[in-house]
Amino acid sequence: VTPDSFSDGGRYDSVDAAVAHGRALR
């Protein structure tokens, strides 16, 4: 949940985007 991680920074830096990504990974 970061704007600057080396691989996917900024892709999941909003709560909704991060939750959706977590659900997809699960």
mmCIF file of all heavy atoms, coordinates in Angstrom:
data_MODEL
# 
_entry.id   MODEL 
# 
loop_
_atom_site.group_PDB 
_atom_site.id 
_atom_site.type_symbol 
_atom_site.label_atom_id 
_atom_site.label_alt_id 
_atom_site.label_comp_id 
_atom_site.label_asym_id 
_atom_site.label_entity_id 
_atom_site.label_seq_id 
_atom_site.pdbx_PDB_ins_code 
_atom_site.Cartn_x 
_atom_site.Cartn_y 
_atom_site.Cartn_z 
_atom_site.occupancy 
_atom_site.B_iso_or_equiv 
_atom_site.pdbx_formal_charge 
_atom_site.auth_seq_id 
_atom_site.auth_comp_id 
_atom_site.auth_asym_id 
_atom_site.auth_atom_id 
_atom_site.pdbx_PDB_model_num 
ATOM 1   N N   . VAL A 1 1  ? 0.871   -1.176  0.000   1.00 0.00 ? 1  VAL A N   1 
ATOM 2   C CA  . VAL A 1 1  ? 0.000   0.000   0.000   1.00 0.00 ? 1  VAL A CA  1 
ATOM 3   C C   . VAL A 1 1  ? 0.915   1.235   0.000   1.00 0.00 ? 1  VAL A C   1 
ATOM 4   O O   . VAL A 1 1  ? 0.944   2.027   0.930   1.00 0.00 ? 1  VAL A O   1 
ATOM 5   C CB  . VAL A 1 1  ? -0.935  -0.007  1.223   1.00 0.00 ? 1  VAL A CB  1 
ATOM 6   C CG1 . VAL A 1 1  ? -2.083  0.988   1.018   1.00 0.00 ? 1  VAL A CG1 1 
ATOM 7   C CG2 . VAL A 1 1  ? -1.507  -1.396  1.478   1.00 0.00 ? 1  VAL A CG2 1 
ATOM 8   N N   . THR A 1 2  ? 1.677   1.351   -1.082  1.00 0.00 ? 2  THR A N   1 
ATOM 9   C CA  . THR A 1 2  ? 2.722   2.375   -1.158  1.00 0.00 ? 2  THR A CA  1 
ATOM 10  C C   . THR A 1 2  ? 2.756   2.990   -2.549  1.00 0.00 ? 2  THR A C   1 
ATOM 11  O O   . THR A 1 2  ? 2.381   2.350   -3.529  1.00 0.00 ? 2  THR A O   1 
ATOM 12  C CB  . THR A 1 2  ? 4.108   1.758   -0.894  1.00 0.00 ? 2  THR A CB  1 
ATOM 13  O OG1 . THR A 1 2  ? 4.355   0.740   -1.881  1.00 0.00 ? 2  THR A OG1 1 
ATOM 14  C CG2 . THR A 1 2  ? 4.193   1.144   0.498   1.00 0.00 ? 2  THR A CG2 1 
ATOM 15  N N   . PRO A 1 3  ? 3.239   4.237   -2.652  1.00 0.00 ? 3  PRO A N   1 
ATOM 16  C CA  . PRO A 1 3  ? 3.413   4.838   -3.965  1.00 0.00 ? 3  PRO A CA  1 
ATOM 17  C C   . PRO A 1 3  ? 4.773   4.562   -4.590  1.00 0.00 ? 3  PRO A C   1 
ATOM 18  O O   . PRO A 1 3  ? 5.004   4.904   -5.749  1.00 0.00 ? 3  PRO A O   1 
ATOM 19  C CB  . PRO A 1 3  ? 3.282   6.341   -3.663  1.00 0.00 ? 3  PRO A CB  1 
ATOM 20  C CG  . PRO A 1 3  ? 3.836   6.479   -2.282  1.00 0.00 ? 3  PRO A CG  1 
ATOM 21  C CD  . PRO A 1 3  ? 3.448   5.208   -1.557  1.00 0.00 ? 3  PRO A CD  1 
ATOM 22  N N   . ASP A 1 4  ? 5.698   3.916   -3.841  1.00 0.00 ? 4  ASP A N   1 
ATOM 23  C CA  . ASP A 1 4  ? 7.089   3.870   -4.275  1.00 0.00 ? 4  ASP A CA  1 
ATOM 24  C C   . ASP A 1 4  ? 7.789   2.527   -4.088  1.00 0.00 ? 4  ASP A C   1 
ATOM 25  O O   . ASP A 1 4  ? 9.009   2.468   -4.101  1.00 0.00 ? 4  ASP A O   1 
ATOM 26  C CB  . ASP A 1 4  ? 7.896   4.943   -3.531  1.00 0.00 ? 4  ASP A CB  1 
ATOM 27  C CG  . ASP A 1 4  ? 7.815   4.810   -2.015  1.00 0.00 ? 4  ASP A CG  1 
ATOM 28  O OD1 . ASP A 1 4  ? 6.940   4.079   -1.518  1.00 0.00 ? 4  ASP A OD1 1 
ATOM 29  O OD2 . ASP A 1 4  ? 8.618   5.457   -1.331  1.00 0.00 ? 4  ASP A OD2 1 
ATOM 30  N N   . SER A 1 5  ? 7.059   1.424   -3.924  1.00 0.00 ? 5  SER A N   1 
ATOM 31  C CA  . SER A 1 5  ? 7.719   0.131   -3.844  1.00 0.00 ? 5  SER A CA  1 
ATOM 32  C C   . SER A 1 5  ? 8.385   -0.191  -5.180  1.00 0.00 ? 5  SER A C   1 
ATOM 33  O O   . SER A 1 5  ? 7.924   0.242   -6.246  1.00 0.00 ? 5  SER A O   1 
ATOM 34  C CB  . SER A 1 5  ? 6.709   -0.960  -3.480  1.00 0.00 ? 5  SER A CB  1 
ATOM 35  O OG  . SER A 1 5  ? 6.282   -0.795  -2.144  1.00 0.00 ? 5  SER A OG  1 
ATOM 36  N N   . PHE A 1 6  ? 9.462   -1.000  -5.122  1.00 0.00 ? 6  PHE A N   1 
ATOM 37  C CA  . PHE A 1 6  ? 10.310  -1.160  -6.315  1.00 0.00 ? 6  PHE A CA  1 
ATOM 38  C C   . PHE A 1 6  ? 9.586   -1.825  -7.476  1.00 0.00 ? 6  PHE A C   1 
ATOM 39  O O   . PHE A 1 6  ? 9.894   -1.566  -8.631  1.00 0.00 ? 6  PHE A O   1 
ATOM 40  C CB  . PHE A 1 6  ? 11.573  -1.955  -5.953  1.00 0.00 ? 6  PHE A CB  1 
ATOM 41  C CG  . PHE A 1 6  ? 11.374  -3.450  -5.896  1.00 0.00 ? 6  PHE A CG  1 
ATOM 42  C CD1 . PHE A 1 6  ? 11.652  -4.239  -6.998  1.00 0.00 ? 6  PHE A CD1 1 
ATOM 43  C CD2 . PHE A 1 6  ? 10.928  -4.073  -4.734  1.00 0.00 ? 6  PHE A CD2 1 
ATOM 44  C CE1 . PHE A 1 6  ? 11.484  -5.619  -6.945  1.00 0.00 ? 6  PHE A CE1 1 
ATOM 45  C CE2 . PHE A 1 6  ? 10.757  -5.445  -4.679  1.00 0.00 ? 6  PHE A CE2 1 
ATOM 46  C CZ  . PHE A 1 6  ? 11.035  -6.227  -5.787  1.00 0.00 ? 6  PHE A CZ  1 
ATOM 47  N N   . SER A 1 7  ? 8.587   -2.681  -7.193  1.00 0.00 ? 7  SER A N   1 
ATOM 48  C CA  . SER A 1 7  ? 7.967   -3.445  -8.259  1.00 0.00 ? 7  SER A CA  1 
ATOM 49  C C   . SER A 1 7  ? 6.596   -2.927  -8.661  1.00 0.00 ? 7  SER A C   1 
ATOM 50  O O   . SER A 1 7  ? 6.293   -2.810  -9.846  1.00 0.00 ? 7  SER A O   1 
ATOM 51  C CB  . SER A 1 7  ? 7.833   -4.913  -7.844  1.00 0.00 ? 7  SER A CB  1 
ATOM 52  O OG  . SER A 1 7  ? 7.124   -5.646  -8.800  1.00 0.00 ? 7  SER A OG  1 
ATOM 53  N N   . ASP A 1 8  ? 5.760   -2.596  -7.686  1.00 0.00 ? 8  ASP A N   1 
ATOM 54  C CA  . ASP A 1 8  ? 4.376   -2.235  -7.991  1.00 0.00 ? 8  ASP A CA  1 
ATOM 55  C C   . ASP A 1 8  ? 3.944   -0.958  -7.284  1.00 0.00 ? 8  ASP A C   1 
ATOM 56  O O   . ASP A 1 8  ? 2.765   -0.760  -7.014  1.00 0.00 ? 8  ASP A O   1 
ATOM 57  C CB  . ASP A 1 8  ? 3.428   -3.380  -7.627  1.00 0.00 ? 8  ASP A CB  1 
ATOM 58  C CG  . ASP A 1 8  ? 3.564   -3.817  -6.175  1.00 0.00 ? 8  ASP A CG  1 
ATOM 59  O OD1 . ASP A 1 8  ? 4.298   -3.148  -5.421  1.00 0.00 ? 8  ASP A OD1 1 
ATOM 60  O OD2 . ASP A 1 8  ? 2.956   -4.829  -5.795  1.00 0.00 ? 8  ASP A OD2 1 
ATOM 61  N N   . GLY A 1 9  ? 4.900   -0.098  -6.963  1.00 0.00 ? 9  GLY A N   1 
ATOM 62  C CA  . GLY A 1 9  ? 4.575   1.129   -6.254  1.00 0.00 ? 9  GLY A CA  1 
ATOM 63  C C   . GLY A 1 9  ? 3.538   1.966   -6.992  1.00 0.00 ? 9  GLY A C   1 
ATOM 64  O O   . GLY A 1 9  ? 3.659   2.202   -8.190  1.00 0.00 ? 9  GLY A O   1 
ATOM 65  N N   . GLY A 1 10 ? 2.497   2.380   -6.275  1.00 0.00 ? 10 GLY A N   1 
ATOM 66  C CA  . GLY A 1 10 ? 1.457   3.215   -6.850  1.00 0.00 ? 10 GLY A CA  1 
ATOM 67  C C   . GLY A 1 10 ? 0.283   2.461   -7.419  1.00 0.00 ? 10 GLY A C   1 
ATOM 68  O O   . GLY A 1 10 ? -0.776  3.054   -7.660  1.00 0.00 ? 10 GLY A O   1 
ATOM 69  N N   . ARG A 1 11 ? 0.419   1.157   -7.620  1.00 0.00 ? 11 ARG A N   1 
ATOM 70  C CA  . ARG A 1 11 ? -0.690  0.401   -8.218  1.00 0.00 ? 11 ARG A CA  1 
ATOM 71  C C   . ARG A 1 11 ? -1.797  0.111   -7.208  1.00 0.00 ? 11 ARG A C   1 
ATOM 72  O O   . ARG A 1 11 ? -2.958  -0.017  -7.574  1.00 0.00 ? 11 ARG A O   1 
ATOM 73  C CB  . ARG A 1 11 ? -0.176  -0.911  -8.813  1.00 0.00 ? 11 ARG A CB  1 
ATOM 74  C CG  . ARG A 1 11 ? 0.764   -0.724  -10.000 1.00 0.00 ? 11 ARG A CG  1 
ATOM 75  C CD  . ARG A 1 11 ? 1.122   -2.059  -10.619 1.00 0.00 ? 11 ARG A CD  1 
ATOM 76  N NE  . ARG A 1 11 ? -0.052  -2.723  -11.187 1.00 0.00 ? 11 ARG A NE  1 
ATOM 77  C CZ  . ARG A 1 11 ? -0.023  -3.943  -11.725 1.00 0.00 ? 11 ARG A CZ  1 
ATOM 78  N NH1 . ARG A 1 11 ? 1.117   -4.628  -11.731 1.00 0.00 ? 11 ARG A NH1 1 
ATOM 79  N NH2 . ARG A 1 11 ? -1.113  -4.480  -12.218 1.00 0.00 ? 11 ARG A NH2 1 
ATOM 80  N N   . TYR A 1 12 ? -1.409  -0.021  -5.934  1.00 0.00 ? 12 TYR A N   1 
ATOM 81  C CA  . TYR A 1 12 ? -2.379  -0.397  -4.905  1.00 0.00 ? 12 TYR A CA  1 
ATOM 82  C C   . TYR A 1 12 ? -2.270  0.535   -3.704  1.00 0.00 ? 12 TYR A C   1 
ATOM 83  O O   . TYR A 1 12 ? -2.404  0.103   -2.558  1.00 0.00 ? 12 TYR A O   1 
ATOM 84  C CB  . TYR A 1 12 ? -2.149  -1.851  -4.474  1.00 0.00 ? 12 TYR A CB  1 
ATOM 85  C CG  . TYR A 1 12 ? -1.977  -2.797  -5.631  1.00 0.00 ? 12 TYR A CG  1 
ATOM 86  C CD1 . TYR A 1 12 ? -0.741  -3.395  -5.885  1.00 0.00 ? 12 TYR A CD1 1 
ATOM 87  C CD2 . TYR A 1 12 ? -3.025  -3.059  -6.499  1.00 0.00 ? 12 TYR A CD2 1 
ATOM 88  C CE1 . TYR A 1 12 ? -0.570  -4.246  -6.964  1.00 0.00 ? 12 TYR A CE1 1 
ATOM 89  C CE2 . TYR A 1 12 ? -2.872  -3.907  -7.590  1.00 0.00 ? 12 TYR A CE2 1 
ATOM 90  C CZ  . TYR A 1 12 ? -1.631  -4.492  -7.819  1.00 0.00 ? 12 TYR A CZ  1 
ATOM 91  O OH  . TYR A 1 12 ? -1.477  -5.326  -8.893  1.00 0.00 ? 12 TYR A OH  1 
ATOM 92  N N   . ASP A 1 13 ? -2.038  1.831   -3.957  1.00 0.00 ? 13 ASP A N   1 
ATOM 93  C CA  . ASP A 1 13 ? -1.792  2.744   -2.838  1.00 0.00 ? 13 ASP A CA  1 
ATOM 94  C C   . ASP A 1 13 ? -3.056  3.398   -2.294  1.00 0.00 ? 13 ASP A C   1 
ATOM 95  O O   . ASP A 1 13 ? -2.974  4.240   -1.405  1.00 0.00 ? 13 ASP A O   1 
ATOM 96  C CB  . ASP A 1 13 ? -0.750  3.797   -3.197  1.00 0.00 ? 13 ASP A CB  1 
ATOM 97  C CG  . ASP A 1 13 ? -1.169  4.676   -4.361  1.00 0.00 ? 13 ASP A CG  1 
ATOM 98  O OD1 . ASP A 1 13 ? -2.162  4.343   -5.031  1.00 0.00 ? 13 ASP A OD1 1 
ATOM 99  O OD2 . ASP A 1 13 ? -0.494  5.693   -4.602  1.00 0.00 ? 13 ASP A OD2 1 
ATOM 100 N N   . SER A 1 14 ? -4.229  2.997   -2.785  1.00 0.00 ? 14 SER A N   1 
ATOM 101 C CA  . SER A 1 14 ? -5.478  3.406   -2.135  1.00 0.00 ? 14 SER A CA  1 
ATOM 102 C C   . SER A 1 14 ? -6.038  2.202   -1.397  1.00 0.00 ? 14 SER A C   1 
ATOM 103 O O   . SER A 1 14 ? -5.725  1.050   -1.725  1.00 0.00 ? 14 SER A O   1 
ATOM 104 C CB  . SER A 1 14 ? -6.500  3.895   -3.171  1.00 0.00 ? 14 SER A CB  1 
ATOM 105 O OG  . SER A 1 14 ? -7.025  2.801   -3.918  1.00 0.00 ? 14 SER A OG  1 
ATOM 106 N N   . VAL A 1 15 ? -6.855  2.454   -0.390  1.00 0.00 ? 15 VAL A N   1 
ATOM 107 C CA  . VAL A 1 15 ? -7.403  1.360   0.403   1.00 0.00 ? 15 VAL A CA  1 
ATOM 108 C C   . VAL A 1 15 ? -8.212  0.416   -0.474  1.00 0.00 ? 15 VAL A C   1 
ATOM 109 O O   . VAL A 1 15 ? -8.056  -0.816  -0.413  1.00 0.00 ? 15 VAL A O   1 
ATOM 110 C CB  . VAL A 1 15 ? -8.268  1.914   1.553   1.00 0.00 ? 15 VAL A CB  1 
ATOM 111 C CG1 . VAL A 1 15 ? -9.012  0.780   2.252   1.00 0.00 ? 15 VAL A CG1 1 
ATOM 112 C CG2 . VAL A 1 15 ? -7.403  2.671   2.546   1.00 0.00 ? 15 VAL A CG2 1 
ATOM 113 N N   . ASP A 1 16 ? -9.078  0.958   -1.323  1.00 0.00 ? 16 ASP A N   1 
ATOM 114 C CA  . ASP A 1 16 ? -9.925  0.101   -2.159  1.00 0.00 ? 16 ASP A CA  1 
ATOM 115 C C   . ASP A 1 16 ? -9.090  -0.754  -3.103  1.00 0.00 ? 16 ASP A C   1 
ATOM 116 O O   . ASP A 1 16 ? -9.365  -1.948  -3.285  1.00 0.00 ? 16 ASP A O   1 
ATOM 117 C CB  . ASP A 1 16 ? -10.914 0.948   -2.957  1.00 0.00 ? 16 ASP A CB  1 
ATOM 118 C CG  . ASP A 1 16 ? -12.039 1.509   -2.095  1.00 0.00 ? 16 ASP A CG  1 
ATOM 119 O OD1 . ASP A 1 16 ? -12.224 1.009   -0.957  1.00 0.00 ? 16 ASP A OD1 1 
ATOM 120 O OD2 . ASP A 1 16 ? -12.726 2.441   -2.546  1.00 0.00 ? 16 ASP A OD2 1 
ATOM 121 N N   . ALA A 1 17 ? -8.067  -0.149  -3.715  1.00 0.00 ? 17 ALA A N   1 
ATOM 122 C CA  . ALA A 1 17 ? -7.226  -0.904  -4.647  1.00 0.00 ? 17 ALA A CA  1 
ATOM 123 C C   . ALA A 1 17 ? -6.445  -1.994  -3.924  1.00 0.00 ? 17 ALA A C   1 
ATOM 124 O O   . ALA A 1 17 ? -6.298  -3.114  -4.427  1.00 0.00 ? 17 ALA A O   1 
ATOM 125 C CB  . ALA A 1 17 ? -6.268  0.039   -5.374  1.00 0.00 ? 17 ALA A CB  1 
ATOM 126 N N   . ALA A 1 18 ? -5.939  -1.681  -2.739  1.00 0.00 ? 18 ALA A N   1 
ATOM 127 C CA  . ALA A 1 18 ? -5.174  -2.671  -1.978  1.00 0.00 ? 18 ALA A CA  1 
ATOM 128 C C   . ALA A 1 18 ? -6.061  -3.830  -1.527  1.00 0.00 ? 18 ALA A C   1 
ATOM 129 O O   . ALA A 1 18 ? -5.651  -4.997  -1.577  1.00 0.00 ? 18 ALA A O   1 
ATOM 130 C CB  . ALA A 1 18 ? -4.513  -2.007  -0.774  1.00 0.00 ? 18 ALA A CB  1 
ATOM 131 N N   . VAL A 1 19 ? -7.277  -3.515  -1.082  1.00 0.00 ? 19 VAL A N   1 
ATOM 132 C CA  . VAL A 1 19 ? -8.199  -4.572  -0.656  1.00 0.00 ? 19 VAL A CA  1 
ATOM 133 C C   . VAL A 1 19 ? -8.564  -5.461  -1.835  1.00 0.00 ? 19 VAL A C   1 
ATOM 134 O O   . VAL A 1 19 ? -8.576  -6.699  -1.723  1.00 0.00 ? 19 VAL A O   1 
ATOM 135 C CB  . VAL A 1 19 ? -9.451  -3.965  -0.003  1.00 0.00 ? 19 VAL A CB  1 
ATOM 136 C CG1 . VAL A 1 19 ? -10.531 -5.027  0.206   1.00 0.00 ? 19 VAL A CG1 1 
ATOM 137 C CG2 . VAL A 1 19 ? -9.088  -3.309  1.327   1.00 0.00 ? 19 VAL A CG2 1 
ATOM 138 N N   . ALA A 1 20 ? -8.839  -4.848  -2.979  1.00 0.00 ? 20 ALA A N   1 
ATOM 139 C CA  . ALA A 1 20 ? -9.171  -5.640  -4.166  1.00 0.00 ? 20 ALA A CA  1 
ATOM 140 C C   . ALA A 1 20 ? -8.004  -6.534  -4.568  1.00 0.00 ? 20 ALA A C   1 
ATOM 141 O O   . ALA A 1 20 ? -8.193  -7.705  -4.937  1.00 0.00 ? 20 ALA A O   1 
ATOM 142 C CB  . ALA A 1 20 ? -9.564  -4.718  -5.313  1.00 0.00 ? 20 ALA A CB  1 
ATOM 143 N N   . HIS A 1 21 ? -6.801  -5.999  -4.482  1.00 0.00 ? 21 HIS A N   1 
ATOM 144 C CA  . HIS A 1 21 ? -5.622  -6.794  -4.826  1.00 0.00 ? 21 HIS A CA  1 
ATOM 145 C C   . HIS A 1 21 ? -5.438  -7.945  -3.832  1.00 0.00 ? 21 HIS A C   1 
ATOM 146 O O   . HIS A 1 21 ? -5.155  -9.086  -4.241  1.00 0.00 ? 21 HIS A O   1 
ATOM 147 C CB  . HIS A 1 21 ? -4.383  -5.889  -4.829  1.00 0.00 ? 21 HIS A CB  1 
ATOM 148 C CG  . HIS A 1 21 ? -3.135  -6.582  -5.241  1.00 0.00 ? 21 HIS A CG  1 
ATOM 149 N ND1 . HIS A 1 21 ? -3.019  -7.274  -6.424  1.00 0.00 ? 21 HIS A ND1 1 
ATOM 150 C CD2 . HIS A 1 21 ? -1.921  -6.702  -4.614  1.00 0.00 ? 21 HIS A CD2 1 
ATOM 151 C CE1 . HIS A 1 21 ? -1.802  -7.783  -6.521  1.00 0.00 ? 21 HIS A CE1 1 
ATOM 152 N NE2 . HIS A 1 21 ? -1.118  -7.455  -5.434  1.00 0.00 ? 21 HIS A NE2 1 
ATOM 153 N N   . GLY A 1 22 ? -5.606  -7.669  -2.552  1.00 0.00 ? 22 GLY A N   1 
ATOM 154 C CA  . GLY A 1 22 ? -5.502  -8.731  -1.560  1.00 0.00 ? 22 GLY A CA  1 
ATOM 155 C C   . GLY A 1 22 ? -6.513  -9.836  -1.792  1.00 0.00 ? 22 GLY A C   1 
ATOM 156 O O   . GLY A 1 22 ? -6.194  -11.030 -1.686  1.00 0.00 ? 22 GLY A O   1 
ATOM 157 N N   . ARG A 1 23 ? -7.725  -9.458  -2.123  1.00 0.00 ? 23 ARG A N   1 
ATOM 158 C CA  . ARG A 1 23 ? -8.758  -10.464 -2.395  1.00 0.00 ? 23 ARG A CA  1 
ATOM 159 C C   . ARG A 1 23 ? -8.396  -11.289 -3.625  1.00 0.00 ? 23 ARG A C   1 
ATOM 160 O O   . ARG A 1 23 ? -8.601  -12.515 -3.648  1.00 0.00 ? 23 ARG A O   1 
ATOM 161 C CB  . ARG A 1 23 ? -10.102 -9.781  -2.585  1.00 0.00 ? 23 ARG A CB  1 
ATOM 162 C CG  . ARG A 1 23 ? -10.699 -9.251  -1.272  1.00 0.00 ? 23 ARG A CG  1 
ATOM 163 C CD  . ARG A 1 23 ? -11.918 -8.387  -1.489  1.00 0.00 ? 23 ARG A CD  1 
ATOM 164 N NE  . ARG A 1 23 ? -12.525 -8.004  -0.208  1.00 0.00 ? 23 ARG A NE  1 
ATOM 165 C CZ  . ARG A 1 23 ? -13.389 -7.011  -0.067  1.00 0.00 ? 23 ARG A CZ  1 
ATOM 166 N NH1 . ARG A 1 23 ? -13.765 -6.289  -1.133  1.00 0.00 ? 23 ARG A NH1 1 
ATOM 167 N NH2 . ARG A 1 23 ? -13.889 -6.722  1.131   1.00 0.00 ? 23 ARG A NH2 1 
ATOM 168 N N   . ALA A 1 24 ? -7.825  -10.639 -4.638  1.00 0.00 ? 24 ALA A N   1 
ATOM 169 C CA  . ALA A 1 24 ? -7.424  -11.368 -5.845  1.00 0.00 ? 24 ALA A CA  1 
ATOM 170 C C   . ALA A 1 24 ? -6.281  -12.342 -5.540  1.00 0.00 ? 24 ALA A C   1 
ATOM 171 O O   . ALA A 1 24 ? -6.264  -13.472 -6.049  1.00 0.00 ? 24 ALA A O   1 
ATOM 172 C CB  . ALA A 1 24 ? -7.009  -10.381 -6.931  1.00 0.00 ? 24 ALA A CB  1 
ATOM 173 N N   . LEU A 1 25 ? -5.342  -11.919 -4.715  1.00 0.00 ? 25 LEU A N   1 
ATOM 174 C CA  . LEU A 1 25 ? -4.232  -12.804 -4.353  1.00 0.00 ? 25 LEU A CA  1 
ATOM 175 C C   . LEU A 1 25 ? -4.733  -14.005 -3.549  1.00 0.00 ? 25 LEU A C   1 
ATOM 176 O O   . LEU A 1 25 ? -4.262  -15.135 -3.730  1.00 0.00 ? 25 LEU A O   1 
ATOM 177 C CB  . LEU A 1 25 ? -3.180  -12.046 -3.543  1.00 0.00 ? 25 LEU A CB  1 
ATOM 178 C CG  . LEU A 1 25 ? -2.415  -10.942 -4.277  1.00 0.00 ? 25 LEU A CG  1 
ATOM 179 C CD1 . LEU A 1 25 ? -1.376  -10.318 -3.353  1.00 0.00 ? 25 LEU A CD1 1 
ATOM 180 C CD2 . LEU A 1 25 ? -1.745  -11.472 -5.544  1.00 0.00 ? 25 LEU A CD2 1 
ATOM 181 N N   . ARG A 1 26 ? -5.677  -13.746 -2.674  1.00 0.00 ? 26 ARG A N   1 
ATOM 182 C CA  . ARG A 1 26 ? -6.236  -14.849 -1.888  1.00 0.00 ? 26 ARG A CA  1 
ATOM 183 C C   . ARG A 1 26 ? -6.975  -15.834 -2.801  1.00 0.00 ? 26 ARG A C   1 
ATOM 184 O O   . ARG A 1 26 ? -6.848  -17.048 -2.650  1.00 0.00 ? 26 ARG A O   1 
ATOM 185 C CB  . ARG A 1 26 ? -7.172  -14.271 -0.834  1.00 0.00 ? 26 ARG A CB  1 
ATOM 186 C CG  . ARG A 1 26 ? -7.589  -15.267 0.218   1.00 0.00 ? 26 ARG A CG  1 
ATOM 187 C CD  . ARG A 1 26 ? -8.367  -14.566 1.319   1.00 0.00 ? 26 ARG A CD  1 
ATOM 188 N NE  . ARG A 1 26 ? -8.947  -15.528 2.231   1.00 0.00 ? 26 ARG A NE  1 
ATOM 189 C CZ  . ARG A 1 26 ? -10.128 -15.416 2.784   1.00 0.00 ? 26 ARG A CZ  1 
ATOM 190 N NH1 . ARG A 1 26 ? -10.890 -14.372 2.506   1.00 0.00 ? 26 ARG A NH1 1 
ATOM 191 N NH2 . ARG A 1 26 ? -10.575 -16.327 3.628   1.00 0.00 ? 26 ARG A NH2 1 
# 
